[in-house]
């Protein structure tokens, strides 16, 4: 079930990414290099948080399994997966909305 969800999400991201127009070789505005640098830092932090979220969800899963609370971790893992998909497809989503 989870692999089907991931596959469907990947298909959606791919379809959106294919539809993004290429803006060409336009001239960047002054200060664009600093903005791109800041966005790369933000992306790095967000992806780090996504990895941390997966590890925390895995830890909660192990603790809950040990305590006999099976399945209670599924919603947390789903939210982390949704955040990872959203972070990974942020550029494609914005490009689709603007273009």
PDB file of N, CA and C in Angstrom:
ATOM      1  N   UNK A   1       0.820  -1.181   0.000  1.00  0.00           N
ATOM      2  CA  UNK A   1       0.000   0.000   0.000  1.00  0.00           C
ATOM      3  C   UNK A   1       0.874   1.259   0.000  1.00  0.00           C
ATOM      4  N   UNK A   2       1.875   1.280   0.893  1.00  0.00           N
ATOM      5  CA  UNK A   2       2.735   2.450   0.983  1.00  0.00           C
ATOM      6  C   UNK A   2       3.554   2.628  -0.296  1.00  0.00           C
ATOM      7  N   UNK A   3       4.019   1.521  -0.868  1.00  0.00           N
ATOM      8  CA  UNK A   3       4.794   1.623  -2.099  1.00  0.00           C
ATOM      9  C   UNK A   3       3.924   2.116  -3.254  1.00  0.00           C
ATOM     10  N   UNK A   4       2.651   1.761  -3.260  1.00  0.00           N
ATOM     11  CA  UNK A   4       1.729   2.254  -4.282  1.00  0.00           C
ATOM     12  C   UNK A   4       1.546   3.756  -4.146  1.00  0.00           C
ATOM     13  N   UNK A   5       1.438   4.229  -2.895  1.00  0.00           N
ATOM     14  CA  UNK A   5       1.301   5.664  -2.637  1.00  0.00           C
ATOM     15  C   UNK A   5       2.541   6.414  -3.091  1.00  0.00           C
ATOM     16  N   UNK A   6       3.711   5.882  -2.784  1.00  0.00           N
ATOM     17  CA  UNK A   6       4.967   6.522  -3.190  1.00  0.00           C
ATOM     18  C   UNK A   6       5.079   6.532  -4.709  1.00  0.00           C
ATOM     19  N   UNK A   7       4.715   5.442  -5.364  1.00  0.00           N
ATOM     20  CA  UNK A   7       4.769   5.379  -6.823  1.00  0.00           C
ATOM     21  C   UNK A   7       3.821   6.392  -7.447  1.00  0.00           C
ATOM     22  N   UNK A   8       2.613   6.505  -6.905  1.00  0.00           N
ATOM     23  CA  UNK A   8       1.642   7.474  -7.428  1.00  0.00           C
ATOM     24  C   UNK A   8       2.143   8.901  -7.223  1.00  0.00           C
ATOM     25  N   UNK A   9       2.731   9.179  -6.059  1.00  0.00           N
ATOM     26  CA  UNK A   9       3.270  10.512  -5.802  1.00  0.00           C
ATOM     27  C   UNK A   9       4.423  10.815  -6.759  1.00  0.00           C
ATOM     28  N   UNK A  10       5.253   9.828  -7.025  1.00  0.00           N
ATOM     29  CA  UNK A  10       6.353  10.011  -7.978  1.00  0.00           C
ATOM     30  C   UNK A  10       5.846  10.297  -9.375  1.00  0.00           C
ATOM     31  N   UNK A  11       4.770   9.621  -9.778  1.00  0.00           N
ATOM     32  CA  UNK A  11       4.182   9.870 -11.096  1.00  0.00           C
ATOM     33  C   UNK A  11       3.643  11.292 -11.197  1.00  0.00           C
ATOM     34  N   UNK A  12       3.009  11.770 -10.124  1.00  0.00           N
ATOM     35  CA  UNK A  12       2.479  13.137 -10.119  1.00  0.00           C
ATOM     36  C   UNK A  12       3.617  14.147 -10.207  1.00  0.00           C
ATOM     37  N   UNK A  13       4.657  13.936  -9.411  1.00  0.00           N
ATOM     38  CA  UNK A  13       5.804  14.855  -9.434  1.00  0.00           C
ATOM     39  C   UNK A  13       6.446  14.857 -10.811  1.00  0.00           C
ATOM     40  N   UNK A  14       6.582  13.693 -11.426  1.00  0.00           N
ATOM     41  CA  UNK A  14       7.176  13.619 -12.759  1.00  0.00           C
ATOM     42  C   UNK A  14       6.315  14.352 -13.786  1.00  0.00           C
ATOM     43  N   UNK A  15       4.996  14.182 -13.709  1.00  0.00           N
ATOM     44  CA  UNK A  15       4.098  14.852 -14.654  1.00  0.00           C
ATOM     45  C   UNK A  15       4.179  16.364 -14.500  1.00  0.00           C
ATOM     46  N   UNK A  16       4.281  16.838 -13.257  1.00  0.00           N
ATOM     47  CA  UNK A  16       4.398  18.285 -13.025  1.00  0.00           C
ATOM     48  C   UNK A  16       5.748  18.785 -13.511  1.00  0.00           C
ATOM     49  N   UNK A  17       6.814  18.027 -13.245  1.00  0.00           N
ATOM     50  CA  UNK A  17       8.155  18.453 -13.637  1.00  0.00           C
ATOM     51  C   UNK A  17       8.305  18.530 -15.152  1.00  0.00           C
ATOM     52  N   UNK A  18       7.656  17.644 -15.880  1.00  0.00           N
ATOM     53  CA  UNK A  18       7.735  17.653 -17.336  1.00  0.00           C
ATOM     54  C   UNK A  18       7.046  18.895 -17.899  1.00  0.00           C
ATOM     55  N   UNK A  19       6.014  19.384 -17.219  1.00  0.00           N
ATOM     56  CA  UNK A  19       5.232  20.514 -17.715  1.00  0.00           C
ATOM     57  C   UNK A  19       5.855  21.873 -17.399  1.00  0.00           C
ATOM     58  N   UNK A  20       6.979  21.916 -16.698  1.00  0.00           N
ATOM     59  CA  UNK A  20       7.592  23.195 -16.327  1.00  0.00           C
ATOM     60  C   UNK A  20       8.249  23.817 -17.552  1.00  0.00           C
ATOM     61  N   UNK A  21       7.885  25.050 -17.878  1.00  0.00           N
ATOM     62  CA  UNK A  21       8.502  25.704 -19.030  1.00  0.00           C
ATOM     63  C   UNK A  21       9.933  26.140 -18.725  1.00  0.00           C
ATOM     64  N   UNK A  22      10.743  26.211 -19.746  1.00  0.00           N
ATOM     65  CA  UNK A  22      12.115  26.669 -19.610  1.00  0.00           C
ATOM     66  C   UNK A  22      12.139  28.180 -19.860  1.00  0.00           C
ATOM     67  N   UNK A  23      12.519  28.982 -18.863  1.00  0.00           N
ATOM     68  CA  UNK A  23      12.496  30.429 -19.048  1.00  0.00           C
ATOM     69  C   UNK A  23      13.570  30.953 -19.992  1.00  0.00           C
ATOM     70  N   UNK A  24      14.476  30.113 -20.412  1.00  0.00           N
ATOM     71  CA  UNK A  24      15.514  30.548 -21.338  1.00  0.00           C
ATOM     72  C   UNK A  24      16.706  31.149 -20.613  1.00  0.00           C
ATOM     73  N   UNK A  25      17.501  31.888 -21.354  1.00  0.00           N
ATOM     74  CA  UNK A  25      18.722  32.466 -20.816  1.00  0.00           C
ATOM     75  C   UNK A  25      18.523  33.927 -20.450  1.00  0.00           C
ATOM     76  N   UNK A  26      17.456  34.246 -19.755  1.00  0.00           N
ATOM     77  CA  UNK A  26      17.201  35.616 -19.347  1.00  0.00           C
ATOM     78  C   UNK A  26      18.246  36.114 -18.366  1.00  0.00           C
ATOM     79  N   UNK A  27      18.290  37.417 -18.208  1.00  0.00           N
ATOM     80  CA  UNK A  27      19.261  38.025 -17.306  1.00  0.00           C
ATOM     81  C   UNK A  27      18.715  38.018 -15.886  1.00  0.00           C
ATOM     82  N   UNK A  28      19.522  37.557 -14.956  1.00  0.00           N
ATOM     83  CA  UNK A  28      19.109  37.526 -13.556  1.00  0.00           C
ATOM     84  C   UNK A  28      19.170  38.934 -12.973  1.00  0.00           C
ATOM     85  N   UNK A  29      18.246  39.265 -12.075  1.00  0.00           N
ATOM     86  CA  UNK A  29      18.272  40.591 -11.459  1.00  0.00           C
ATOM     87  C   UNK A  29      19.439  40.722 -10.484  1.00  0.00           C
ATOM     88  N   UNK A  30      19.802  41.949 -10.136  1.00  0.00           N
ATOM     89  CA  UNK A  30      20.888  42.137  -9.163  1.00  0.00           C
ATOM     90  C   UNK A  30      20.533  41.478  -7.831  1.00  0.00           C
ATOM     91  N   UNK A  31      21.485  40.833  -7.226  1.00  0.00           N
ATOM     92  CA  UNK A  31      21.264  40.169  -5.946  1.00  0.00           C
ATOM     93  C   UNK A  31      20.713  38.763  -6.066  1.00  0.00           C
ATOM     94  N   UNK A  32      20.555  38.267  -7.276  1.00  0.00           N
ATOM     95  CA  UNK A  32      19.986  36.926  -7.459  1.00  0.00           C
ATOM     96  C   UNK A  32      20.902  35.846  -6.891  1.00  0.00           C
ATOM     97  N   UNK A  33      22.191  36.059  -6.935  1.00  0.00           N
ATOM     98  CA  UNK A  33      23.125  35.055  -6.424  1.00  0.00           C
ATOM     99  C   UNK A  33      22.932  34.860  -4.919  1.00  0.00           C
ATOM    100  N   UNK A  34      22.722  35.956  -4.185  1.00  0.00           N
ATOM    101  CA  UNK A  34      22.513  35.845  -2.747  1.00  0.00           C
ATOM    102  C   UNK A  34      21.184  35.156  -2.436  1.00  0.00           C
ATOM    103  N   UNK A  35      20.149  35.447  -3.225  1.00  0.00           N
ATOM    104  CA  UNK A  35      18.856  34.802  -3.029  1.00  0.00           C
ATOM    105  C   UNK A  35      18.955  33.301  -3.291  1.00  0.00           C
ATOM    106  N   UNK A  36      19.654  32.931  -4.363  1.00  0.00           N
ATOM    107  CA  UNK A  36      19.826  31.511  -4.670  1.00  0.00           C
ATOM    108  C   UNK A  36      20.622  30.813  -3.573  1.00  0.00           C
ATOM    109  N   UNK A  37      21.631  31.490  -3.040  1.00  0.00           N
ATOM    110  CA  UNK A  37      22.424  30.920  -1.951  1.00  0.00           C
ATOM    111  C   UNK A  37      21.556  30.689  -0.718  1.00  0.00           C
ATOM    112  N   UNK A  38      20.697  31.659  -0.389  1.00  0.00           N
ATOM    113  CA  UNK A  38      19.809  31.525   0.755  1.00  0.00           C
ATOM    114  C   UNK A  38      18.820  30.373   0.539  1.00  0.00           C
ATOM    115  N   UNK A  39      18.271  30.259  -0.668  1.00  0.00           N
ATOM    116  CA  UNK A  39      17.333  29.184  -0.967  1.00  0.00           C
ATOM    117  C   UNK A  39      17.995  27.809  -0.877  1.00  0.00           C
ATOM    118  N   UNK A  40      19.262  27.722  -1.301  1.00  0.00           N
ATOM    119  CA  UNK A  40      19.994  26.452  -1.181  1.00  0.00           C
ATOM    120  C   UNK A  40      20.185  26.091   0.290  1.00  0.00           C
ATOM    121  N   UNK A  41      20.476  27.091   1.136  1.00  0.00           N
ATOM    122  CA  UNK A  41      20.627  26.833   2.573  1.00  0.00           C
ATOM    123  C   UNK A  41      19.301  26.365   3.173  1.00  0.00           C
ATOM    124  N   UNK A  42      18.216  27.033   2.807  1.00  0.00           N
ATOM    125  CA  UNK A  42      16.902  26.646   3.319  1.00  0.00           C
ATOM    126  C   UNK A  42      16.571  25.221   2.874  1.00  0.00           C
ATOM    127  N   UNK A  43      16.837  24.903   1.611  1.00  0.00           N
ATOM    128  CA  UNK A  43      16.572  23.554   1.107  1.00  0.00           C
ATOM    129  C   UNK A  43      17.403  22.531   1.869  1.00  0.00           C
ATOM    130  N   UNK A  44      18.646  22.850   2.143  1.00  0.00           N
ATOM    131  CA  UNK A  44      19.519  21.940   2.877  1.00  0.00           C
ATOM    132  C   UNK A  44      18.951  21.672   4.270  1.00  0.00           C
ATOM    133  N   UNK A  45      18.510  22.720   4.954  1.00  0.00           N
ATOM    134  CA  UNK A  45      17.933  22.568   6.291  1.00  0.00           C
ATOM    135  C   UNK A  45      16.642  21.749   6.232  1.00  0.00           C
ATOM    136  N   UNK A  46      15.786  22.042   5.254  1.00  0.00           N
ATOM    137  CA  UNK A  46      14.517  21.319   5.137  1.00  0.00           C
ATOM    138  C   UNK A  46      14.763  19.836   4.872  1.00  0.00           C
ATOM    139  N   UNK A  47      15.680  19.501   3.984  1.00  0.00           N
ATOM    140  CA  UNK A  47      15.952  18.093   3.714  1.00  0.00           C
ATOM    141  C   UNK A  47      16.578  17.412   4.925  1.00  0.00           C
ATOM    142  N   UNK A  48      17.384  18.142   5.683  1.00  0.00           N
ATOM    143  CA  UNK A  48      17.914  17.600   6.936  1.00  0.00           C
ATOM    144  C   UNK A  48      16.797  17.304   7.926  1.00  0.00           C
ATOM    145  N   UNK A  49      15.821  18.215   8.008  1.00  0.00           N
ATOM    146  CA  UNK A  49      14.676  17.997   8.886  1.00  0.00           C
ATOM    147  C   UNK A  49      13.829  16.812   8.419  1.00  0.00           C
ATOM    148  N   UNK A  50      13.733  16.621   7.109  1.00  0.00           N
ATOM    149  CA  UNK A  50      12.999  15.463   6.586  1.00  0.00           C
ATOM    150  C   UNK A  50      13.681  14.163   7.006  1.00  0.00           C
ATOM    151  N   UNK A  51      14.993  14.121   6.911  1.00  0.00           N
ATOM    152  CA  UNK A  51      15.728  12.923   7.337  1.00  0.00           C
ATOM    153  C   UNK A  51      15.534  12.719   8.841  1.00  0.00           C
ATOM    154  N   UNK A  52      15.617  13.802   9.614  1.00  0.00           N
ATOM    155  CA  UNK A  52      15.408  13.696  11.058  1.00  0.00           C
ATOM    156  C   UNK A  52      13.994  13.205  11.363  1.00  0.00           C
ATOM    157  N   UNK A  53      13.012  13.687  10.612  1.00  0.00           N
ATOM    158  CA  UNK A  53      11.636  13.247  10.815  1.00  0.00           C
ATOM    159  C   UNK A  53      11.459  11.771  10.562  1.00  0.00           C
ATOM    160  N   UNK A  54      12.099  11.258   9.518  1.00  0.00           N
ATOM    161  CA  UNK A  54      12.014   9.817   9.230  1.00  0.00           C
ATOM    162  C   UNK A  54      12.673   9.023  10.356  1.00  0.00           C
ATOM    163  N   UNK A  55      13.824   9.495  10.834  1.00  0.00           N
ATOM    164  CA  UNK A  55      14.507   8.787  11.914  1.00  0.00           C
ATOM    165  C   UNK A  55      13.698   8.825  13.211  1.00  0.00           C
ATOM    166  N   UNK A  56      13.071   9.957  13.506  1.00  0.00           N
ATOM    167  CA  UNK A  56      12.233  10.058  14.703  1.00  0.00           C
ATOM    168  C   UNK A  56      11.026   9.135  14.581  1.00  0.00           C
ATOM    169  N   UNK A  57      10.405   9.109  13.408  1.00  0.00           N
ATOM    170  CA  UNK A  57       9.264   8.209  13.193  1.00  0.00           C
ATOM    171  C   UNK A  57       9.689   6.752  13.354  1.00  0.00           C
ATOM    172  N   UNK A  58      10.871   6.415  12.875  1.00  0.00           N
ATOM    173  CA  UNK A  58      11.374   5.045  13.023  1.00  0.00           C
ATOM    174  C   UNK A  58      11.627   4.725  14.499  1.00  0.00           C
ATOM    175  N   UNK A  59      12.176   5.675  15.225  1.00  0.00           N
ATOM    176  CA  UNK A  59      12.395   5.463  16.657  1.00  0.00           C
ATOM    177  C   UNK A  59      11.089   5.284  17.413  1.00  0.00           C
ATOM    178  N   UNK A  60      10.095   6.122  17.101  1.00  0.00           N
ATOM    179  CA  UNK A  60       8.780   5.991  17.740  1.00  0.00           C
ATOM    180  C   UNK A  60       8.169   4.632  17.388  1.00  0.00           C
ATOM    181  N   UNK A  61       8.358   4.203  16.147  1.00  0.00           N
ATOM    182  CA  UNK A  61       7.830   2.913  15.715  1.00  0.00           C
ATOM    183  C   UNK A  61       8.443   1.788  16.555  1.00  0.00           C
ATOM    184  N   UNK A  62       9.740   1.849  16.776  1.00  0.00           N
ATOM    185  CA  UNK A  62      10.412   0.811  17.549  1.00  0.00           C
ATOM    186  C   UNK A  62       9.946   0.817  19.003  1.00  0.00           C
ATOM    187  N   UNK A  63       9.822   2.006  19.599  1.00  0.00           N
ATOM    188  CA  UNK A  63       9.388   2.101  20.991  1.00  0.00           C
ATOM    189  C   UNK A  63       7.948   1.621  21.142  1.00  0.00           C
ATOM    190  N   UNK A  64       7.078   2.033  20.227  1.00  0.00           N
ATOM    191  CA  UNK A  64       5.676   1.620  20.309  1.00  0.00           C
ATOM    192  C   UNK A  64       5.522   0.118  20.088  1.00  0.00           C
ATOM    193  N   UNK A  65       6.342  -0.438  19.211  1.00  0.00           N
ATOM    194  CA  UNK A  65       6.295  -1.886  18.992  1.00  0.00           C
ATOM    195  C   UNK A  65       6.724  -2.617  20.258  1.00  0.00           C
ATOM    196  N   UNK A  66       7.758  -2.099  20.896  1.00  0.00           N
ATOM    197  CA  UNK A  66       8.248  -2.719  22.134  1.00  0.00           C
ATOM    198  C   UNK A  66       7.196  -2.657  23.231  1.00  0.00           C
ATOM    199  N   UNK A  67       6.408  -1.574  23.268  1.00  0.00           N
ATOM    200  CA  UNK A  67       5.369  -1.413  24.289  1.00  0.00           C
ATOM    201  C   UNK A  67       4.057  -2.080  23.901  1.00  0.00           C
ATOM    202  N   UNK A  68       4.008  -2.700  22.734  1.00  0.00           N
ATOM    203  CA  UNK A  68       2.808  -3.395  22.300  1.00  0.00           C
ATOM    204  C   UNK A  68       1.748  -2.493  21.698  1.00  0.00           C
ATOM    205  N   UNK A  69       2.142  -1.303  21.273  1.00  0.00           N
ATOM    206  CA  UNK A  69       1.211  -0.352  20.653  1.00  0.00           C
ATOM    207  C   UNK A  69       1.439  -0.350  19.149  1.00  0.00           C
ATOM    208  N   UNK A  70       1.018  -1.361  18.473  1.00  0.00           N
ATOM    209  CA  UNK A  70       1.242  -1.456  17.039  1.00  0.00           C
ATOM    210  C   UNK A  70       0.358  -0.517  16.246  1.00  0.00           C
ATOM    211  N   UNK A  71       0.867   0.044  15.192  1.00  0.00           N
ATOM    212  CA  UNK A  71       0.086   0.844  14.258  1.00  0.00           C
ATOM    213  C   UNK A  71      -0.158   2.290  14.650  1.00  0.00           C
ATOM    214  N   UNK A  72       0.128   2.666  15.885  1.00  0.00           N
ATOM    215  CA  UNK A  72      -0.131   4.041  16.322  1.00  0.00           C
ATOM    216  C   UNK A  72       0.825   5.038  15.676  1.00  0.00           C
ATOM    217  N   UNK A  73       1.898   4.575  15.111  1.00  0.00           N
ATOM    218  CA  UNK A  73       2.906   5.430  14.505  1.00  0.00           C
ATOM    219  C   UNK A  73       2.609   5.745  13.035  1.00  0.00           C
ATOM    220  N   UNK A  74       1.627   5.085  12.451  1.00  0.00           N
ATOM    221  CA  UNK A  74       1.396   5.191  11.008  1.00  0.00           C
ATOM    222  C   UNK A  74       1.060   6.616  10.581  1.00  0.00           C
ATOM    223  N   UNK A  75       0.266   7.328  11.348  1.00  0.00           N
ATOM    224  CA  UNK A  75      -0.095   8.689  10.940  1.00  0.00           C
ATOM    225  C   UNK A  75       1.122   9.613  10.981  1.00  0.00           C
ATOM    226  N   UNK A  76       1.985   9.455  11.969  1.00  0.00           N
ATOM    227  CA  UNK A  76       3.198  10.270  12.037  1.00  0.00           C
ATOM    228  C   UNK A  76       4.107  10.017  10.847  1.00  0.00           C
ATOM    229  N   UNK A  77       4.238   8.751  10.486  1.00  0.00           N
ATOM    230  CA  UNK A  77       5.070   8.404   9.338  1.00  0.00           C
ATOM    231  C   UNK A  77       4.462   8.947   8.047  1.00  0.00           C
ATOM    232  N   UNK A  78       3.131   8.924   7.951  1.00  0.00           N
ATOM    233  CA  UNK A  78       2.471   9.471   6.761  1.00  0.00           C
ATOM    234  C   UNK A  78       2.700  10.975   6.643  1.00  0.00           C
ATOM    235  N   UNK A  79       2.641  11.698   7.765  1.00  0.00           N
ATOM    236  CA  UNK A  79       2.891  13.143   7.724  1.00  0.00           C
ATOM    237  C   UNK A  79       4.333  13.448   7.336  1.00  0.00           C
ATOM    238  N   UNK A  80       5.270  12.659   7.849  1.00  0.00           N
ATOM    239  CA  UNK A  80       6.678  12.849   7.481  1.00  0.00           C
ATOM    240  C   UNK A  80       6.873  12.574   5.996  1.00  0.00           C
ATOM    241  N   UNK A  81       6.256  11.513   5.485  1.00  0.00           N
ATOM    242  CA  UNK A  81       6.362  11.186   4.061  1.00  0.00           C
ATOM    243  C   UNK A  81       5.760  12.300   3.207  1.00  0.00           C
ATOM    244  N   UNK A  82       4.624  12.841   3.644  1.00  0.00           N
ATOM    245  CA  UNK A  82       4.004  13.945   2.898  1.00  0.00           C
ATOM    246  C   UNK A  82       4.910  15.174   2.889  1.00  0.00           C
ATOM    247  N   UNK A  83       5.549  15.466   4.014  1.00  0.00           N
ATOM    248  CA  UNK A  83       6.467  16.602   4.079  1.00  0.00           C
ATOM    249  C   UNK A  83       7.670  16.384   3.164  1.00  0.00           C
ATOM    250  N   UNK A  84       8.177  15.160   3.122  1.00  0.00           N
ATOM    251  CA  UNK A  84       9.315  14.853   2.242  1.00  0.00           C
ATOM    252  C   UNK A  84       8.932  15.012   0.775  1.00  0.00           C
ATOM    253  N   UNK A  85       7.749  14.545   0.420  1.00  0.00           N
ATOM    254  CA  UNK A  85       7.294  14.678  -0.969  1.00  0.00           C
ATOM    255  C   UNK A  85       7.111  16.143  -1.327  1.00  0.00           C
ATOM    256  N   UNK A  86       6.509  16.907  -0.419  1.00  0.00           N
ATOM    257  CA  UNK A  86       6.299  18.333  -0.671  1.00  0.00           C
ATOM    258  C   UNK A  86       7.625  19.078  -0.796  1.00  0.00           C
ATOM    259  N   UNK A  87       8.574  18.782   0.075  1.00  0.00           N
ATOM    260  CA  UNK A  87       9.876  19.446   0.013  1.00  0.00           C
ATOM    261  C   UNK A  87      10.623  19.065  -1.275  1.00  0.00           C
ATOM    262  N   UNK A  88      10.532  17.812  -1.663  1.00  0.00           N
ATOM    263  CA  UNK A  88      11.216  17.358  -2.873  1.00  0.00           C
ATOM    264  C   UNK A  88      10.625  17.909  -4.147  1.00  0.00           C
ATOM    265  N   UNK A  89       9.342  18.214  -4.121  1.00  0.00           N
ATOM    266  CA  UNK A  89       8.688  18.706  -5.320  1.00  0.00           C
ATOM    267  C   UNK A  89       8.358  20.198  -5.260  1.00  0.00           C
ATOM    268  N   UNK A  90       8.935  20.916  -4.324  1.00  0.00           N
ATOM    269  CA  UNK A  90       8.626  22.333  -4.138  1.00  0.00           C
ATOM    270  C   UNK A  90       8.896  23.147  -5.409  1.00  0.00           C
ATOM    271  N   UNK A  91      10.041  22.938  -6.008  1.00  0.00           N
ATOM    272  CA  UNK A  91      10.390  23.688  -7.211  1.00  0.00           C
ATOM    273  C   UNK A  91       9.418  23.390  -8.344  1.00  0.00           C
ATOM    274  N   UNK A  92       9.084  22.124  -8.517  1.00  0.00           N
ATOM    275  CA  UNK A  92       8.156  21.743  -9.587  1.00  0.00           C
ATOM    276  C   UNK A  92       6.758  22.307  -9.338  1.00  0.00           C
ATOM    277  N   UNK A  93       6.321  22.287  -8.083  1.00  0.00           N
ATOM    278  CA  UNK A  93       5.000  22.819  -7.755  1.00  0.00           C
ATOM    279  C   UNK A  93       4.911  24.312  -8.012  1.00  0.00           C
ATOM    280  N   UNK A  94       5.922  25.050  -7.575  1.00  0.00           N
ATOM    281  CA  UNK A  94       5.927  26.506  -7.801  1.00  0.00           C
ATOM    282  C   UNK A  94       6.001  26.806  -9.288  1.00  0.00           C
ATOM    283  N   UNK A  95       6.836  26.074 -10.007  1.00  0.00           N
ATOM    284  CA  UNK A  95       6.937  26.278 -11.448  1.00  0.00           C
ATOM    285  C   UNK A  95       5.607  26.016 -12.161  1.00  0.00           C
ATOM    286  N   UNK A  96       4.888  25.007 -11.691  1.00  0.00           N
ATOM    287  CA  UNK A  96       3.593  24.701 -12.319  1.00  0.00           C
ATOM    288  C   UNK A  96       2.549  25.770 -12.007  1.00  0.00           C
ATOM    289  N   UNK A  97       2.596  26.311 -10.801  1.00  0.00           N
ATOM    290  CA  UNK A  97       1.643  27.346 -10.421  1.00  0.00           C
ATOM    291  C   UNK A  97       1.923  28.687 -11.119  1.00  0.00           C
ATOM    292  N   UNK A  98       3.182  29.010 -11.271  1.00  0.00           N
ATOM    293  CA  UNK A  98       3.548  30.287 -11.910  1.00  0.00           C
ATOM    294  C   UNK A  98       3.407  30.192 -13.422  1.00  0.00           C
ATOM    295  N   UNK A  99       3.860  29.077 -13.989  1.00  0.00           N
ATOM    296  CA  UNK A  99       3.848  28.921 -15.435  1.00  0.00           C
ATOM    297  C   UNK A  99       2.517  28.537 -15.898  1.00  0.00           C
TER     298      UNK A  99
END
